[in-house]
Amino acid sequence: MYIYNDKFRKARRDYSPYLFHIIKGETPDFLETMTNILNEMKLKSERGYICISASPLTSIVRFFETNVNRTEKTMFLSFGIGFSRDILVRDFGARNVIYYYDDEKELIPEELEWRALRLNGDTSDFEYLREWRINGKEFDFKDFPTEDIIVVAPDRKDLNDLVVSHDVGINLSSYDMEPFLVEEFKREWKGVAVNEVKDFMDDFDMSGSTATQKIG
C-alpha cells in the first residue's frame, strides 16, 4: 500500500503548496481587477478554462521584472491569488496541462481538450509557465476554505489595501463622554508581499509565515 509522505515535497525548493492565478501584465486596471476578484470571489475567463500556475512564488520574482519585447510590459504583474494545491486538485478539478505536438493532436480526447496545449520547441513552448487549468469559464471559490488562500501583491501597502478592510464607527459604549469615531480594521484574507519573498527559503517557508495571519 502506498503511503504519501509530505517530506518529499518539502525537500523540493521548486515545488509549492499553492497553485497561483497571476494577473496579466496587459491588464489596465489591475487593482480594480484584483479587488473585484476578492469581492466577487470568482475568477473568470472567456477561454473556457481558468489558468493557474504551479511555479513557486519564491522562484519567479525576476519573472515579474521581465518585459515582453512586443509590448514592453511584463507578461504578468505581481498581483494574484494562490490556492492550496491539494484542495484545488481534489475538490475543484484543477489539472496540469497536457502538451502535444501537431501530429499528436488527434490523440487528445474531446473531453480533455480544455487542458491540452500545443507544443513546438521552436515557436510554441510555454512549459516554463507550469500551467494548470480549471475547467469552465468561471471559478467560484466561495466554498474554498479562506484559510487556504493567499493574496499576492507587490508590496505591503498594496497588500494591506487588498486584504484588510477599513471602516469607521461611532463608539457609544461610554456614558461619561461624548461619542467618538473609532477606526476598525479587519483582516479578510491572508497574503504575502512579493518584495518580501526573498526572505523565505521556499514556498513552504513562505506558507508557514502566513500561519500567524488570523482572518477576522
C-alpha atoms as a PDB file:
ATOM      1  CA  MET A   1       0.000   0.000   0.000  1.00  0.00           C
ATOM      2  CA  TYR A   2       1.335   3.437  -0.984  1.00  0.00           C
ATOM      3  CA  ILE A   3       1.612   5.898   1.881  1.00  0.00           C
ATOM      4  CA  TYR A   4       2.066   9.512   0.885  1.00  0.00           C
ATOM      5  CA  ASN A   5       4.720  11.408   2.789  1.00  0.00           C
ATOM      6  CA  ASP A   6       4.817  15.218   2.621  1.00  0.00           C
ATOM      7  CA  LYS A   7       8.531  15.387   3.413  1.00  0.00           C
ATOM      8  CA  PHE A   8       9.451  14.622  -0.212  1.00  0.00           C
ATOM      9  CA  ARG A   9       7.528  17.643  -1.430  1.00  0.00           C
ATOM     10  CA  LYS A  10       9.168  19.913   1.119  1.00  0.00           C
ATOM     11  CA  ALA A  11      12.558  18.660   0.004  1.00  0.00           C
ATOM     12  CA  ARG A  12      11.953  20.286  -3.400  1.00  0.00           C
ATOM     13  CA  ARG A  13      12.514  24.042  -3.430  1.00  0.00           C
ATOM     14  CA  ASP A  14      10.975  24.204  -6.917  1.00  0.00           C
ATOM     15  CA  TYR A  15       7.644  22.939  -5.571  1.00  0.00           C
ATOM     16  CA  SER A  16       4.825  24.942  -3.965  1.00  0.00           C
ATOM     17  CA  PRO A  17       1.857  24.024  -1.762  1.00  0.00           C
ATOM     18  CA  TYR A  18      -0.119  26.570  -3.819  1.00  0.00           C
ATOM     19  CA  LEU A  19      -1.368  26.990  -7.359  1.00  0.00           C
ATOM     20  CA  PHE A  20      -1.392  30.664  -8.365  1.00  0.00           C
ATOM     21  CA  HIS A  21      -3.583  32.750 -10.637  1.00  0.00           C
ATOM     22  CA  ILE A  22      -1.482  35.770 -11.617  1.00  0.00           C
ATOM     23  CA  ILE A  23      -2.797  38.948 -13.259  1.00  0.00           C
ATOM     24  CA  LYS A  24      -1.618  39.566 -16.835  1.00  0.00           C
ATOM     25  CA  GLY A  25       0.747  42.463 -17.441  1.00  0.00           C
ATOM     26  CA  GLU A  26      -1.558  43.966 -20.064  1.00  0.00           C
ATOM     27  CA  THR A  27      -4.410  44.337 -17.537  1.00  0.00           C
ATOM     28  CA  PRO A  28      -5.171  48.101 -17.463  1.00  0.00           C
ATOM     29  CA  ASP A  29      -6.953  48.336 -14.104  1.00  0.00           C
ATOM     30  CA  PHE A  30      -5.125  45.641 -12.175  1.00  0.00           C
ATOM     31  CA  LEU A  31      -6.008  46.931  -8.695  1.00  0.00           C
ATOM     32  CA  GLU A  32      -9.667  47.105  -9.650  1.00  0.00           C
ATOM     33  CA  THR A  33      -9.389  43.638 -11.192  1.00  0.00           C
ATOM     34  CA  MET A  34      -7.911  42.184  -8.003  1.00  0.00           C
ATOM     35  CA  THR A  35     -10.486  43.961  -5.848  1.00  0.00           C
ATOM     36  CA  ASN A  36     -13.323  42.582  -7.979  1.00  0.00           C
ATOM     37  CA  ILE A  37     -11.889  39.063  -7.782  1.00  0.00           C
ATOM     38  CA  LEU A  38     -11.800  39.203  -3.994  1.00  0.00           C
ATOM     39  CA  ASN A  39     -15.189  40.889  -3.614  1.00  0.00           C
ATOM     40  CA  GLU A  40     -16.964  38.515  -6.015  1.00  0.00           C
ATOM     41  CA  MET A  41     -14.790  35.528  -5.043  1.00  0.00           C
ATOM     42  CA  LYS A  42     -14.678  34.496  -8.693  1.00  0.00           C
ATOM     43  CA  LEU A  43     -12.120  34.038 -11.469  1.00  0.00           C
ATOM     44  CA  LYS A  44     -13.487  34.466 -14.992  1.00  0.00           C
ATOM     45  CA  SER A  45     -12.259  33.655 -18.493  1.00  0.00           C
ATOM     46  CA  GLU A  46     -13.823  33.550 -21.946  1.00  0.00           C
ATOM     47  CA  ARG A  47     -11.459  30.762 -22.988  1.00  0.00           C
ATOM     48  CA  GLY A  48     -13.490  28.078 -21.285  1.00  0.00           C
ATOM     49  CA  TYR A  49     -10.873  27.423 -18.584  1.00  0.00           C
ATOM     50  CA  ILE A  50      -9.085  29.277 -15.804  1.00  0.00           C
ATOM     51  CA  CYS A  51      -5.287  29.402 -15.986  1.00  0.00           C
ATOM     52  CA  ILE A  52      -3.197  28.810 -12.873  1.00  0.00           C
ATOM     53  CA  SER A  53       0.474  28.068 -12.325  1.00  0.00           C
ATOM     54  CA  ALA A  54       2.433  25.613 -10.217  1.00  0.00           C
ATOM     55  CA  SER A  55       5.504  27.871 -10.225  1.00  0.00           C
ATOM     56  CA  PRO A  56       6.698  28.650  -6.675  1.00  0.00           C
ATOM     57  CA  LEU A  57       6.315  32.332  -5.892  1.00  0.00           C
ATOM     58  CA  THR A  58       9.746  32.392  -4.254  1.00  0.00           C
ATOM     59  CA  SER A  59      11.331  31.225  -7.525  1.00  0.00           C
ATOM     60  CA  ILE A  60       9.747  33.625 -10.015  1.00  0.00           C
ATOM     61  CA  VAL A  61      10.388  37.074  -8.538  1.00  0.00           C
ATOM     62  CA  ARG A  62      12.543  38.045 -11.547  1.00  0.00           C
ATOM     63  CA  PHE A  63       9.746  36.884 -13.836  1.00  0.00           C
ATOM     64  CA  PHE A  64       7.692  39.895 -12.724  1.00  0.00           C
ATOM     65  CA  GLU A  65      10.535  42.189 -13.798  1.00  0.00           C
ATOM     66  CA  THR A  66      10.982  40.788 -17.323  1.00  0.00           C
ATOM     67  CA  ASN A  67       9.264  42.654 -20.168  1.00  0.00           C
ATOM     68  CA  VAL A  68       7.741  41.174 -23.305  1.00  0.00           C
ATOM     69  CA  ASN A  69       9.539  42.640 -26.332  1.00  0.00           C
ATOM     70  CA  ARG A  70       6.329  43.269 -28.267  1.00  0.00           C
ATOM     71  CA  THR A  71       4.578  45.267 -25.557  1.00  0.00           C
ATOM     72  CA  GLU A  72       7.438  46.400 -23.317  1.00  0.00           C
ATOM     73  CA  LYS A  73       5.268  45.305 -20.402  1.00  0.00           C
ATOM     74  CA  THR A  74       5.779  42.375 -18.077  1.00  0.00           C
ATOM     75  CA  MET A  75       3.973  39.180 -19.060  1.00  0.00           C
ATOM     76  CA  PHE A  76       2.425  39.020 -15.596  1.00  0.00           C
ATOM     77  CA  LEU A  77       2.053  41.508 -12.759  1.00  0.00           C
ATOM     78  CA  SER A  78       2.967  40.725  -9.179  1.00  0.00           C
ATOM     79  CA  PHE A  79      -0.722  40.637  -8.253  1.00  0.00           C
ATOM     80  CA  GLY A  80      -2.599  37.384  -7.869  1.00  0.00           C
ATOM     81  CA  ILE A  81      -4.176  34.792  -5.656  1.00  0.00           C
ATOM     82  CA  GLY A  82      -2.915  31.400  -4.509  1.00  0.00           C
ATOM     83  CA  PHE A  83      -4.985  28.352  -3.600  1.00  0.00           C
ATOM     84  CA  SER A  84      -3.971  25.223  -1.726  1.00  0.00           C
ATOM     85  CA  ARG A  85      -2.872  22.839  -4.467  1.00  0.00           C
ATOM     86  CA  ASP A  86      -4.200  19.737  -2.755  1.00  0.00           C
ATOM     87  CA  ILE A  87      -7.680  21.181  -2.205  1.00  0.00           C
ATOM     88  CA  LEU A  88      -7.835  22.672  -5.703  1.00  0.00           C
ATOM     89  CA  VAL A  89      -6.938  19.325  -7.264  1.00  0.00           C
ATOM     90  CA  ARG A  90      -9.077  17.134  -5.022  1.00  0.00           C
ATOM     91  CA  ASP A  91     -12.250  19.211  -4.719  1.00  0.00           C
ATOM     92  CA  PHE A  92     -12.253  21.646  -7.654  1.00  0.00           C
ATOM     93  CA  GLY A  93     -10.851  19.603 -10.540  1.00  0.00           C
ATOM     94  CA  ALA A  94      -7.631  21.518 -11.242  1.00  0.00           C
ATOM     95  CA  ARG A  95      -5.405  19.598 -13.658  1.00  0.00           C
ATOM     96  CA  ASN A  96      -1.988  20.107 -15.210  1.00  0.00           C
ATOM     97  CA  VAL A  97      -1.792  20.998 -18.892  1.00  0.00           C
ATOM     98  CA  ILE A  98      -1.215  18.196 -21.432  1.00  0.00           C
ATOM     99  CA  TYR A  99       1.331  19.282 -24.051  1.00  0.00           C
ATOM    100  CA  TYR A 100       1.125  17.806 -27.559  1.00  0.00           C
ATOM    101  CA  TYR A 101       2.917  18.103 -30.894  1.00  0.00           C
ATOM    102  CA  ASP A 102       0.856  18.668 -34.040  1.00  0.00           C
ATOM    103  CA  ASP A 103       0.923  15.001 -35.021  1.00  0.00           C
ATOM    104  CA  GLU A 104      -0.453  14.065 -31.587  1.00  0.00           C
ATOM    105  CA  LYS A 105      -3.444  16.416 -31.513  1.00  0.00           C
ATOM    106  CA  GLU A 106      -5.883  13.783 -32.778  1.00  0.00           C
ATOM    107  CA  LEU A 107      -4.911  11.600 -29.828  1.00  0.00           C
ATOM    108  CA  ILE A 108      -6.357  14.114 -27.357  1.00  0.00           C
ATOM    109  CA  PRO A 109      -9.945  13.104 -26.412  1.00  0.00           C
ATOM    110  CA  GLU A 110     -12.543  15.841 -26.815  1.00  0.00           C
ATOM    111  CA  GLU A 111     -13.295  15.833 -23.087  1.00  0.00           C
ATOM    112  CA  LEU A 112      -9.631  16.698 -22.368  1.00  0.00           C
ATOM    113  CA  GLU A 113      -9.186  19.445 -24.951  1.00  0.00           C
ATOM    114  CA  TRP A 114      -9.736  22.122 -22.280  1.00  0.00           C
ATOM    115  CA  ARG A 115      -6.415  21.171 -20.675  1.00  0.00           C
ATOM    116  CA  ALA A 116      -4.419  20.484 -23.864  1.00  0.00           C
ATOM    117  CA  LEU A 117      -1.842  22.914 -25.270  1.00  0.00           C
ATOM    118  CA  ARG A 118       0.160  22.790 -28.477  1.00  0.00           C
ATOM    119  CA  LEU A 119       3.893  22.347 -28.029  1.00  0.00           C
ATOM    120  CA  ASN A 120       6.555  23.326 -30.521  1.00  0.00           C
ATOM    121  CA  GLY A 121      10.117  23.672 -29.336  1.00  0.00           C
ATOM    122  CA  ASP A 122      10.811  26.472 -31.824  1.00  0.00           C
ATOM    123  CA  THR A 123       7.670  28.605 -31.696  1.00  0.00           C
ATOM    124  CA  SER A 124       5.206  27.496 -29.004  1.00  0.00           C
ATOM    125  CA  ASP A 125       6.930  26.237 -25.888  1.00  0.00           C
ATOM    126  CA  PHE A 126       5.239  27.560 -22.748  1.00  0.00           C
ATOM    127  CA  GLU A 127       6.095  24.676 -20.440  1.00  0.00           C
ATOM    128  CA  TYR A 128       8.135  27.060 -18.303  1.00  0.00           C
ATOM    129  CA  LEU A 129       4.858  28.573 -17.085  1.00  0.00           C
ATOM    130  CA  ARG A 130       3.995  25.261 -15.350  1.00  0.00           C
ATOM    131  CA  GLU A 131       0.405  25.840 -16.344  1.00  0.00           C
ATOM    132  CA  TRP A 132      -2.545  24.119 -14.725  1.00  0.00           C
ATOM    133  CA  ARG A 133      -6.200  24.753 -15.507  1.00  0.00           C
ATOM    134  CA  ILE A 134      -9.687  24.645 -14.021  1.00  0.00           C
ATOM    135  CA  ASN A 135     -12.418  23.672 -16.465  1.00  0.00           C
ATOM    136  CA  GLY A 136     -15.122  26.261 -17.147  1.00  0.00           C
ATOM    137  CA  LYS A 137     -15.424  29.986 -17.831  1.00  0.00           C
ATOM    138  CA  GLU A 138     -15.824  30.763 -14.137  1.00  0.00           C
ATOM    139  CA  PHE A 139     -14.265  29.529 -10.931  1.00  0.00           C
ATOM    140  CA  ASP A 140     -16.397  30.417  -7.930  1.00  0.00           C
ATOM    141  CA  PHE A 141     -14.257  29.981  -4.818  1.00  0.00           C
ATOM    142  CA  LYS A 142     -16.834  30.984  -2.208  1.00  0.00           C
ATOM    143  CA  ASP A 143     -16.737  27.422  -0.878  1.00  0.00           C
ATOM    144  CA  PHE A 144     -12.936  27.259  -0.860  1.00  0.00           C
ATOM    145  CA  PRO A 145     -11.505  27.400   2.701  1.00  0.00           C
ATOM    146  CA  THR A 146     -10.404  31.001   3.222  1.00  0.00           C
ATOM    147  CA  GLU A 147      -7.559  29.838   5.477  1.00  0.00           C
ATOM    148  CA  ASP A 148      -6.051  28.036   2.467  1.00  0.00           C
ATOM    149  CA  ILE A 149      -5.988  31.068   0.164  1.00  0.00           C
ATOM    150  CA  ILE A 150      -3.286  33.739  -0.003  1.00  0.00           C
ATOM    151  CA  VAL A 151      -3.401  37.064  -1.822  1.00  0.00           C
ATOM    152  CA  VAL A 152      -0.295  38.219  -3.683  1.00  0.00           C
ATOM    153  CA  ALA A 153       0.647  41.893  -4.108  1.00  0.00           C
ATOM    154  CA  PRO A 154       3.867  43.784  -4.965  1.00  0.00           C
ATOM    155  CA  ASP A 155       4.408  45.360  -1.545  1.00  0.00           C
ATOM    156  CA  ARG A 156       2.955  45.678   1.932  1.00  0.00           C
ATOM    157  CA  LYS A 157       0.881  48.782   1.121  1.00  0.00           C
ATOM    158  CA  ASP A 158      -0.881  47.229  -1.871  1.00  0.00           C
ATOM    159  CA  LEU A 159      -1.315  44.004   0.069  1.00  0.00           C
ATOM    160  CA  ASN A 160      -2.956  45.721   3.042  1.00  0.00           C
ATOM    161  CA  ASP A 161      -5.268  47.633   0.702  1.00  0.00           C
ATOM    162  CA  LEU A 162      -6.485  44.292  -0.647  1.00  0.00           C
ATOM    163  CA  VAL A 163      -6.598  42.053   2.426  1.00  0.00           C
ATOM    164  CA  VAL A 164      -7.576  44.438   5.248  1.00  0.00           C
ATOM    165  CA  SER A 165     -10.970  46.157   5.357  1.00  0.00           C
ATOM    166  CA  HIS A 166     -11.265  49.577   6.943  1.00  0.00           C
ATOM    167  CA  ASP A 167     -14.368  51.082   8.493  1.00  0.00           C
ATOM    168  CA  VAL A 168     -15.216  53.995  10.753  1.00  0.00           C
ATOM    169  CA  GLY A 169     -17.804  53.594  13.508  1.00  0.00           C
ATOM    170  CA  ILE A 170     -19.134  55.576  16.448  1.00  0.00           C
ATOM    171  CA  ASN A 171     -18.306  54.490  19.977  1.00  0.00           C
ATOM    172  CA  LEU A 172     -21.408  54.784  22.176  1.00  0.00           C
ATOM    173  CA  SER A 173     -20.238  52.500  24.960  1.00  0.00           C
ATOM    174  CA  SER A 174     -19.074  55.205  27.352  1.00  0.00           C
ATOM    175  CA  TYR A 175     -21.694  57.095  29.379  1.00  0.00           C
ATOM    176  CA  ASP A 176     -19.412  59.777  30.751  1.00  0.00           C
ATOM    177  CA  MET A 177     -18.111  61.240  27.498  1.00  0.00           C
ATOM    178  CA  GLU A 178     -19.302  62.286  24.085  1.00  0.00           C
ATOM    179  CA  PRO A 179     -19.476  59.598  21.364  1.00  0.00           C
ATOM    180  CA  PHE A 180     -16.339  59.492  19.241  1.00  0.00           C
ATOM    181  CA  LEU A 181     -15.256  57.982  15.946  1.00  0.00           C
ATOM    182  CA  VAL A 182     -13.420  54.685  16.014  1.00  0.00           C
ATOM    183  CA  GLU A 183     -11.425  53.207  13.144  1.00  0.00           C
ATOM    184  CA  GLU A 184     -11.907  49.489  12.682  1.00  0.00           C
ATOM    185  CA  PHE A 185      -9.552  47.225  10.751  1.00  0.00           C
ATOM    186  CA  LYS A 186     -10.314  43.618   9.877  1.00  0.00           C
ATOM    187  CA  ARG A 187      -8.195  41.058   8.038  1.00  0.00           C
ATOM    188  CA  GLU A 188     -10.264  39.478   5.260  1.00  0.00           C
ATOM    189  CA  TRP A 189      -7.520  37.387   3.613  1.00  0.00           C
ATOM    190  CA  LYS A 190      -4.059  36.021   4.243  1.00  0.00           C
ATOM    191  CA  GLY A 191      -1.412  37.474   1.983  1.00  0.00           C
ATOM    192  CA  VAL A 192       2.204  37.929   1.011  1.00  0.00           C
ATOM    193  CA  ALA A 193       4.140  40.844  -0.493  1.00  0.00           C
ATOM    194  CA  VAL A 194       6.327  39.900  -3.456  1.00  0.00           C
ATOM    195  CA  ASN A 195       9.128  42.257  -2.427  1.00  0.00           C
ATOM    196  CA  GLU A 196       9.439  40.271   0.803  1.00  0.00           C
ATOM    197  CA  VAL A 197       9.513  36.713  -0.586  1.00  0.00           C
ATOM    198  CA  LYS A 198      13.293  36.893  -0.904  1.00  0.00           C
ATOM    199  CA  ASP A 199      13.344  36.487   2.876  1.00  0.00           C
ATOM    200  CA  PHE A 200      11.894  32.971   2.569  1.00  0.00           C
ATOM    201  CA  MET A 201      13.810  29.824   1.665  1.00  0.00           C
ATOM    202  CA  ASP A 202      10.926  28.381  -0.386  1.00  0.00           C
ATOM    203  CA  ASP A 203       7.128  28.455  -0.685  1.00  0.00           C
ATOM    204  CA  PHE A 204       6.705  26.126   2.291  1.00  0.00           C
ATOM    205  CA  ASP A 205       8.676  28.579   4.414  1.00  0.00           C
ATOM    206  CA  MET A 206       6.541  31.393   2.990  1.00  0.00           C
ATOM    207  CA  SER A 207       3.361  29.446   3.750  1.00  0.00           C
ATOM    208  CA  GLY A 208       4.462  28.969   7.348  1.00  0.00           C
ATOM    209  CA  SER A 209       4.830  32.715   7.745  1.00  0.00           C
ATOM    210  CA  THR A 210       1.172  33.264   6.866  1.00  0.00           C
ATOM    211  CA  ALA A 211       0.013  30.885   9.604  1.00  0.00           C
ATOM    212  CA  THR A 212       0.082  33.738  12.137  1.00  0.00           C
ATOM    213  CA  GLN A 213      -2.248  35.843   9.972  1.00  0.00           C
ATOM    214  CA  LYS A 214      -5.667  35.366  11.548  1.00  0.00           C
ATOM    215  CA  ILE A 215      -8.729  36.010   9.395  1.00  0.00           C
ATOM    216  CA  GLY A 216     -11.126  38.397  11.097  1.00  0.00           C
END
